[in-house]
């Protein structure tokens, strides 16, 4: 998600917040850009707080709400939260999305679809997912829990005679997906929004069924492993690594298939430039400060989408780039970021203006 604070803001808005209070709120007018939305304007609200425990350290919880209107006449509403209860006995994570008149591209299915396939689709969407986990061991940050997820695509407008209209794949005219399943999260990061050490391991399996109220039946397994190393502790040079996999089986809507690209996975490609049942991607990033609140990063990634019958290392896509970071909250290491990434050979790179790190 792309955000950039306005230069001319009212007195109640602050570009950064370093208060030592137990809870902090940041409100910013924002200007953004991403390949999927183009330019956008709106507002960002962030809340940071700690649920204090007398003996057990508890990491900072956070919640954010982004409201945007884009140059493509789209309305986007994105709430997100990560909450640790006292002593981190419970971990609660959630993400929501509301899209109105969202314009998207479909390139077909597979790891080598040509750019000439590009088909335009518009739709409205609403989704919500929530995960709640209970700490398994007193002195281990290992959480076992459940995830609930619901996604609906509706008011779909396709171009007659083009790819989606002729393929008529699942979801081409809209869909509803409702799923439930177990989760296992091992979270040893020292900080949630911008870690400098530790690791994060997240495994989720969910089953989507018509019996739950949806229109489709499929399964999804998500695996996300991240590792952070403080290479130069005194200067805070951070090496970050991520191995990400999304594996979908069954009659999933095309928007629920694994997608390569976007601000999160494989910057340098339009989100969904390649899609199929499975996605595996590896990303690495080096982060270092330059001057006061300013820092820089360099990153690279490898990945591909594929069908379960074609598991191999052929056709790997790569991306690389760099970026600038501006710290808006020193205590929580909260950053605004500007990245430039190269990947898709048909384009001269993509810019991303973002809030917090991509992983």
Protein backbone atom coordinates (compact mmCIF):
# COMPACT_ATOMS: atom_id res chain seq x y z
CA UNK A 1 0.00 0.00 0.00
CA UNK A 2 1.33 3.34 -0.99
CA UNK A 3 1.51 6.31 1.31
CA UNK A 4 3.38 9.59 1.43
CA UNK A 5 2.71 12.35 3.90
CA UNK A 6 1.65 15.75 2.61
CA UNK A 7 4.03 18.68 3.04
CA UNK A 8 1.24 21.12 3.85
CA UNK A 9 -0.57 19.57 6.79
CA UNK A 10 -2.56 21.08 9.59
CA UNK A 11 -0.99 21.48 13.02
CA UNK A 12 -2.68 18.35 14.38
CA UNK A 13 -0.83 16.19 11.82
CA UNK A 14 2.79 15.25 12.52
CA UNK A 15 5.16 13.59 10.08
CA UNK A 16 6.68 11.63 12.95
CA UNK A 17 5.75 10.72 16.50
CA UNK A 18 8.31 9.84 19.20
CA UNK A 19 6.23 10.12 22.33
CA UNK A 20 7.25 7.79 25.13
CA UNK A 21 3.65 7.14 26.16
CA UNK A 22 2.34 3.59 26.32
CA UNK A 23 0.01 4.28 23.40
CA UNK A 24 0.57 6.42 20.33
CA UNK A 25 -1.61 7.54 17.45
CA UNK A 26 -0.43 8.80 14.09
CA UNK A 27 -2.78 10.39 11.55
CA UNK A 28 -1.57 11.48 8.13
CA UNK A 29 -3.04 12.71 4.88
CA UNK A 30 -1.46 10.52 2.22
CA UNK A 31 -0.54 10.54 -1.42
CA UNK A 32 0.30 7.21 -2.97
CA UNK A 33 1.23 5.31 -6.09
CA UNK A 34 1.39 1.66 -7.09
CA UNK A 35 1.29 -0.12 -10.46
CA UNK A 36 -2.13 -1.55 -9.58
CA UNK A 37 -3.85 1.71 -8.52
CA UNK A 38 -1.72 4.49 -10.05
CA UNK A 39 -1.96 7.73 -8.03
CA UNK A 40 -4.16 7.87 -4.94
CA UNK A 41 -5.04 10.31 -2.16
CA UNK A 42 -6.56 9.65 1.23
CA UNK A 43 -5.83 9.25 4.91
CA UNK A 44 -3.88 6.89 7.14
CA UNK A 45 -4.52 6.31 10.84
CA UNK A 46 -2.16 4.17 12.94
CA UNK A 47 -2.47 3.16 16.59
CA UNK A 48 0.42 1.61 18.56
CA UNK A 49 0.05 0.34 22.11
CA UNK A 50 1.42 -2.13 24.66
CA UNK A 51 -0.62 -4.47 26.84
CA UNK A 52 1.66 -4.31 29.88
CA UNK A 53 2.43 -7.42 31.93
CA UNK A 54 4.18 -7.20 35.34
CA UNK A 55 6.82 -9.86 34.56
CA UNK A 56 6.60 -10.93 30.89
CA UNK A 57 7.65 -8.46 28.16
CA UNK A 58 4.91 -7.87 25.61
CA UNK A 59 5.61 -6.56 22.14
CA UNK A 60 3.80 -3.55 20.71
CA UNK A 61 0.37 -4.10 19.16
CA UNK A 62 -0.66 -2.09 16.15
CA UNK A 63 -3.73 -1.27 14.09
CA UNK A 64 -4.04 0.81 10.95
CA UNK A 65 -6.75 2.07 8.64
CA UNK A 66 -6.08 3.30 5.11
CA UNK A 67 -8.74 5.02 2.98
CA UNK A 68 -7.80 5.93 -0.60
CA UNK A 69 -9.38 7.28 -3.75
CA UNK A 70 -7.33 6.66 -6.89
CA UNK A 71 -6.80 8.34 -10.23
CA UNK A 72 -8.61 5.33 -11.70
CA UNK A 73 -11.76 6.37 -9.76
CA UNK A 74 -11.41 3.50 -7.30
CA UNK A 75 -12.27 3.57 -3.60
CA UNK A 76 -10.04 1.43 -1.37
CA UNK A 77 -10.49 0.79 2.37
CA UNK A 78 -7.91 -1.35 4.18
CA UNK A 79 -8.03 -2.08 7.93
CA UNK A 80 -5.27 -4.23 9.47
CA UNK A 81 -4.19 -5.18 13.02
CA UNK A 82 -1.76 -7.29 15.04
CA UNK A 83 -2.62 -7.56 18.73
CA UNK A 84 -0.68 -9.19 21.57
CA UNK A 85 -2.61 -9.67 24.82
CA UNK A 86 -0.85 -9.27 28.19
CA UNK A 87 2.15 -11.56 28.41
CA UNK A 88 1.53 -12.53 24.78
CA UNK A 89 -0.81 -15.33 25.79
CA UNK A 90 -2.81 -14.67 22.63
CA UNK A 91 -1.90 -13.35 19.20
CA UNK A 92 -4.72 -11.84 17.13
CA UNK A 93 -4.16 -10.79 13.53
CA UNK A 94 -6.61 -9.50 10.96
CA UNK A 95 -6.89 -7.85 7.58
CA UNK A 96 -9.87 -6.39 5.73
CA UNK A 97 -10.45 -4.98 2.29
CA UNK A 98 -13.22 -3.08 0.54
CA UNK A 99 -12.80 -2.19 -3.14
CA UNK A 100 -15.23 -0.18 -5.25
CA UNK A 101 -14.89 0.00 -9.05
CA UNK A 102 -11.50 -1.69 -8.83
CA UNK A 103 -9.75 -2.01 -12.19
CA UNK A 104 -7.54 -5.06 -12.59
CA UNK A 105 -5.72 -7.01 -15.30
CA UNK A 106 -5.89 -10.70 -16.14
CA UNK A 107 -3.05 -12.22 -18.19
CA UNK A 108 -4.17 -15.83 -18.16
CA UNK A 109 -3.05 -18.78 -16.12
CA UNK A 110 0.50 -20.10 -16.05
CA UNK A 111 4.11 -19.05 -15.55
CA UNK A 112 4.77 -17.87 -19.13
CA UNK A 113 1.64 -15.98 -20.19
CA UNK A 114 2.43 -13.30 -22.82
CA UNK A 115 1.80 -9.62 -22.12
CA UNK A 116 -0.46 -9.55 -25.19
CA UNK A 117 -2.99 -11.64 -23.21
CA UNK A 118 -3.77 -8.68 -20.95
CA UNK A 119 -7.49 -8.38 -20.33
CA UNK A 120 -9.17 -5.66 -18.26
CA UNK A 121 -11.73 -6.44 -15.58
CA UNK A 122 -13.56 -4.22 -13.08
CA UNK A 123 -15.23 -5.40 -9.90
CA UNK A 124 -16.25 -4.61 -6.35
CA UNK A 125 -14.82 -6.74 -3.54
CA UNK A 126 -15.09 -7.14 0.20
CA UNK A 127 -12.99 -9.48 2.31
CA UNK A 128 -12.02 -10.13 5.90
CA UNK A 129 -9.66 -12.56 7.55
CA UNK A 130 -8.87 -13.05 11.22
CA UNK A 131 -6.44 -15.35 12.97
CA UNK A 132 -6.34 -15.98 16.70
CA UNK A 133 -3.61 -18.09 18.29
CA UNK A 134 -2.96 -19.29 21.83
CA UNK A 135 0.61 -19.52 23.13
CA UNK A 136 1.52 -23.19 23.43
CA UNK A 137 4.50 -22.93 25.81
CA UNK A 138 4.98 -20.31 28.51
CA UNK A 139 8.48 -19.31 27.43
CA UNK A 140 8.11 -19.88 23.69
CA UNK A 141 6.40 -17.50 21.27
CA UNK A 142 4.68 -20.35 19.50
CA UNK A 143 0.96 -19.86 18.84
CA UNK A 144 -1.57 -22.50 17.77
CA UNK A 145 -4.92 -21.26 16.55
CA UNK A 146 -7.58 -20.92 13.89
CA UNK A 147 -8.15 -18.68 10.89
CA UNK A 148 -11.46 -17.57 9.38
CA UNK A 149 -11.51 -15.92 5.96
CA UNK A 150 -14.27 -14.64 3.68
CA UNK A 151 -13.91 -13.01 0.22
CA UNK A 152 -16.59 -11.86 -2.21
CA UNK A 153 -16.12 -10.46 -5.74
CA UNK A 154 -19.23 -8.93 -7.31
CA UNK A 155 -20.44 -6.35 -9.84
CA UNK A 156 -17.94 -7.83 -12.28
CA UNK A 157 -17.52 -6.11 -15.67
CA UNK A 158 -15.57 -7.90 -18.41
CA UNK A 159 -14.75 -6.96 -21.97
CA UNK A 160 -16.86 -9.05 -24.39
CA UNK A 161 -14.90 -11.48 -26.50
CA UNK A 162 -11.65 -11.11 -24.55
CA UNK A 163 -9.75 -13.70 -22.49
CA UNK A 164 -11.92 -13.91 -19.36
CA UNK A 165 -15.12 -13.85 -21.40
CA UNK A 166 -14.00 -16.71 -23.62
CA UNK A 167 -12.21 -18.84 -20.98
CA UNK A 168 -15.05 -18.55 -18.46
CA UNK A 169 -12.79 -19.78 -15.69
CA UNK A 170 -14.05 -20.05 -12.12
CA UNK A 171 -14.78 -16.58 -10.74
CA UNK A 172 -15.03 -14.84 -14.11
CA UNK A 173 -18.50 -13.62 -13.15
CA UNK A 174 -17.86 -13.16 -9.42
CA UNK A 175 -17.53 -15.52 -6.47
CA UNK A 176 -17.87 -15.96 -2.72
CA UNK A 177 -15.27 -17.87 -0.71
CA UNK A 178 -15.63 -18.76 2.98
CA UNK A 179 -12.95 -20.80 4.68
CA UNK A 180 -11.77 -22.07 8.04
CA UNK A 181 -8.63 -23.82 9.17
CA UNK A 182 -5.79 -24.25 11.69
CA UNK A 183 -2.74 -22.01 11.98
CA UNK A 184 0.68 -22.34 13.58
CA UNK A 185 2.79 -19.22 14.18
CA UNK A 186 6.26 -19.07 15.71
CA UNK A 187 7.16 -15.41 16.08
CA UNK A 188 10.54 -14.52 17.57
CA UNK A 189 10.85 -11.09 15.91
CA UNK A 190 12.00 -8.31 18.23
CA UNK A 191 9.66 -5.84 16.51
CA UNK A 192 6.59 -6.47 14.36
CA UNK A 193 6.60 -3.53 11.95
CA UNK A 194 10.39 -3.43 11.36
CA UNK A 195 12.36 -6.36 12.85
CA UNK A 196 16.11 -6.31 13.37
CA UNK A 197 16.55 -9.85 14.71
CA UNK A 198 14.71 -13.10 15.17
CA UNK A 199 12.50 -15.10 12.84
CA UNK A 200 8.87 -15.53 11.86
CA UNK A 201 7.25 -18.81 10.84
CA UNK A 202 3.60 -18.85 9.78
CA UNK A 203 1.72 -21.89 8.46
CA UNK A 204 -1.98 -21.74 7.58
CA UNK A 205 -4.27 -24.34 6.11
CA UNK A 206 -7.83 -23.42 5.21
CA UNK A 207 -10.73 -25.25 3.56
CA UNK A 208 -13.26 -23.24 1.53
CA UNK A 209 -16.61 -24.89 1.12
CA UNK A 210 -20.08 -24.30 -0.28
CA UNK A 211 -21.37 -25.79 2.98
CA UNK A 212 -19.99 -22.71 4.79
CA UNK A 213 -21.95 -20.37 2.52
CA UNK A 214 -19.53 -19.84 -0.37
CA UNK A 215 -19.92 -20.63 -4.05
CA UNK A 216 -16.71 -22.68 -4.47
CA UNK A 217 -14.80 -25.59 -2.93
CA UNK A 218 -11.01 -25.49 -2.61
CA UNK A 219 -8.09 -25.74 -0.17
CA UNK A 220 -5.21 -23.38 0.55
CA UNK A 221 -1.88 -23.95 2.33
CA UNK A 222 0.23 -20.86 3.07
CA UNK A 223 3.82 -21.05 4.37
CA UNK A 224 5.76 -17.90 5.27
CA UNK A 225 9.24 -18.07 6.78
CA UNK A 226 11.29 -14.90 7.51
CA UNK A 227 14.70 -14.45 9.13
CA UNK A 228 16.32 -11.20 10.30
CA UNK A 229 20.02 -10.73 11.11
CA UNK A 230 21.55 -7.61 12.63
CA UNK A 231 24.78 -7.71 10.63
CA UNK A 232 26.26 -4.53 12.16
CA UNK A 233 24.47 -4.11 15.52
CA UNK A 234 25.94 -0.69 16.38
CA UNK A 235 24.93 0.76 13.01
CA UNK A 236 21.78 -1.37 12.64
CA UNK A 237 22.50 -2.96 9.29
CA UNK A 238 19.76 -5.55 8.80
CA UNK A 239 19.75 -8.53 6.43
CA UNK A 240 16.19 -9.82 5.92
CA UNK A 241 15.18 -13.04 4.14
CA UNK A 242 11.80 -14.55 3.26
CA UNK A 243 10.69 -17.86 1.79
CA UNK A 244 7.03 -17.72 0.79
CA UNK A 245 4.73 -20.39 -0.57
CA UNK A 246 1.01 -20.37 -1.43
CA UNK A 247 -0.53 -23.66 -2.57
CA UNK A 248 -4.13 -23.84 -3.80
CA UNK A 249 -5.99 -27.01 -4.81
CA UNK A 250 -9.56 -27.39 -6.05
CA UNK A 251 -12.04 -25.17 -7.86
CA UNK A 252 -10.64 -21.82 -6.69
CA UNK A 253 -11.73 -18.52 -8.31
CA UNK A 254 -9.01 -17.07 -10.50
CA UNK A 255 -8.52 -14.18 -8.03
CA UNK A 256 -7.80 -16.73 -5.29
CA UNK A 257 -5.10 -18.54 -7.22
CA UNK A 258 -1.49 -17.83 -6.27
CA UNK A 259 -0.34 -14.48 -7.67
CA UNK A 260 3.23 -13.34 -8.36
CA UNK A 261 3.97 -9.62 -8.13
CA UNK A 262 2.82 -6.59 -6.17
CA UNK A 263 4.20 -4.59 -3.26
CA UNK A 264 4.47 -7.67 -1.01
CA UNK A 265 5.84 -10.53 -3.10
CA UNK A 266 8.29 -9.94 -5.98
CA UNK A 267 8.24 -6.18 -6.41
CA UNK A 268 8.87 -5.37 -10.07
CA UNK A 269 5.86 -7.26 -11.40
CA UNK A 270 2.21 -6.23 -11.58
CA UNK A 271 0.33 -8.23 -8.95
CA UNK A 272 -1.15 -11.20 -10.75
CA UNK A 273 1.11 -10.83 -13.80
CA UNK A 274 1.58 -14.60 -13.40
CA UNK A 275 -0.91 -16.81 -11.55
CA UNK A 276 -1.49 -20.52 -11.06
CA UNK A 277 -2.24 -23.03 -8.30
CA UNK A 278 1.17 -22.85 -6.64
CA UNK A 279 3.60 -20.02 -5.92
CA UNK A 280 7.07 -20.25 -4.39
CA UNK A 281 9.21 -17.13 -3.94
CA UNK A 282 12.40 -16.18 -2.13
CA UNK A 283 13.28 -12.58 -1.23
CA UNK A 284 16.29 -10.92 0.39
CA UNK A 285 16.74 -7.32 1.52
CA UNK A 286 19.61 -5.34 3.07
CA UNK A 287 18.60 -2.31 5.18
CA UNK A 288 20.94 0.36 6.55
CA UNK A 289 20.68 3.89 7.98
CA UNK A 290 22.28 6.83 6.17
CA UNK A 291 21.58 10.01 8.10
CA UNK A 292 19.31 10.53 11.11
CA UNK A 293 15.83 9.39 9.99
CA UNK A 294 16.92 8.48 6.46
CA UNK A 295 17.89 4.96 5.38
CA UNK A 296 18.36 2.94 2.20
CA UNK A 297 17.68 -0.66 1.18
CA UNK A 298 18.62 -3.05 -1.63
CA UNK A 299 16.53 -6.11 -2.44
CA UNK A 300 16.18 -9.03 -4.85
CA UNK A 301 13.80 -11.92 -5.38
CA UNK A 302 13.28 -15.20 -7.25
CA UNK A 303 9.96 -16.93 -7.80
CA UNK A 304 7.49 -18.66 -10.07
CA UNK A 305 3.91 -19.91 -10.23
CA UNK A 306 3.25 -23.44 -11.37
CA UNK A 307 0.79 -26.29 -11.64
CA UNK A 308 1.07 -29.23 -9.18
CA UNK A 309 2.01 -31.52 -12.12
CA UNK A 310 4.91 -29.28 -13.20
CA UNK A 311 7.14 -28.86 -10.14
CA UNK A 312 10.61 -27.81 -11.34
CA UNK A 313 13.08 -24.92 -11.36
CA UNK A 314 12.47 -23.89 -14.97
CA UNK A 315 11.11 -20.45 -15.80
CA UNK A 316 12.12 -18.69 -12.59
CA UNK A 317 11.32 -14.98 -12.57
CA UNK A 318 13.66 -12.54 -10.85
CA UNK A 319 13.39 -8.99 -9.56
CA UNK A 320 15.70 -6.49 -7.89
CA UNK A 321 15.80 -2.89 -6.82
CA UNK A 322 16.46 -0.36 -4.08
CA UNK A 323 14.67 2.14 -1.93
CA UNK A 324 14.69 4.98 0.57
CA UNK A 325 13.30 4.86 4.10
CA UNK A 326 12.09 7.73 6.31
CA UNK A 327 11.42 6.92 9.97
CA UNK A 328 8.11 8.34 11.24
CA UNK A 329 8.31 6.78 14.71
CA UNK A 330 11.77 6.05 16.16
CA UNK A 331 10.60 4.04 19.13
CA UNK A 332 8.67 1.52 17.01
CA UNK A 333 10.95 1.93 13.96
CA UNK A 334 7.97 2.74 11.79
CA UNK A 335 9.00 3.75 8.24
CA UNK A 336 7.60 5.27 5.11
CA UNK A 337 9.29 3.75 2.07
CA UNK A 338 9.93 4.51 -1.58
CA UNK A 339 11.08 1.55 -3.67
CA UNK A 340 12.02 1.16 -7.32
CA UNK A 341 11.99 -2.41 -8.61
CA UNK A 342 12.90 -4.06 -11.92
CA UNK A 343 11.48 -7.41 -12.92
CA UNK A 344 9.05 -7.67 -15.81
CA UNK A 345 11.18 -7.17 -18.95
CA UNK A 346 8.24 -5.49 -20.71
CA UNK A 347 8.38 -2.52 -18.29
CA UNK A 348 11.09 -0.08 -17.18
CA UNK A 349 10.49 -0.90 -13.54
CA UNK A 350 7.83 0.02 -10.99
CA UNK A 351 7.77 2.55 -8.16
CA UNK A 352 6.22 1.70 -4.78
CA UNK A 353 5.43 4.24 -2.07
CA UNK A 354 4.72 2.24 1.03
CA UNK A 355 4.07 2.27 4.76
CA UNK A 356 6.28 -0.12 6.79
CA UNK A 357 8.48 -2.82 5.28
CA UNK A 358 7.26 -5.25 2.65
CA UNK A 359 8.23 -8.19 4.90
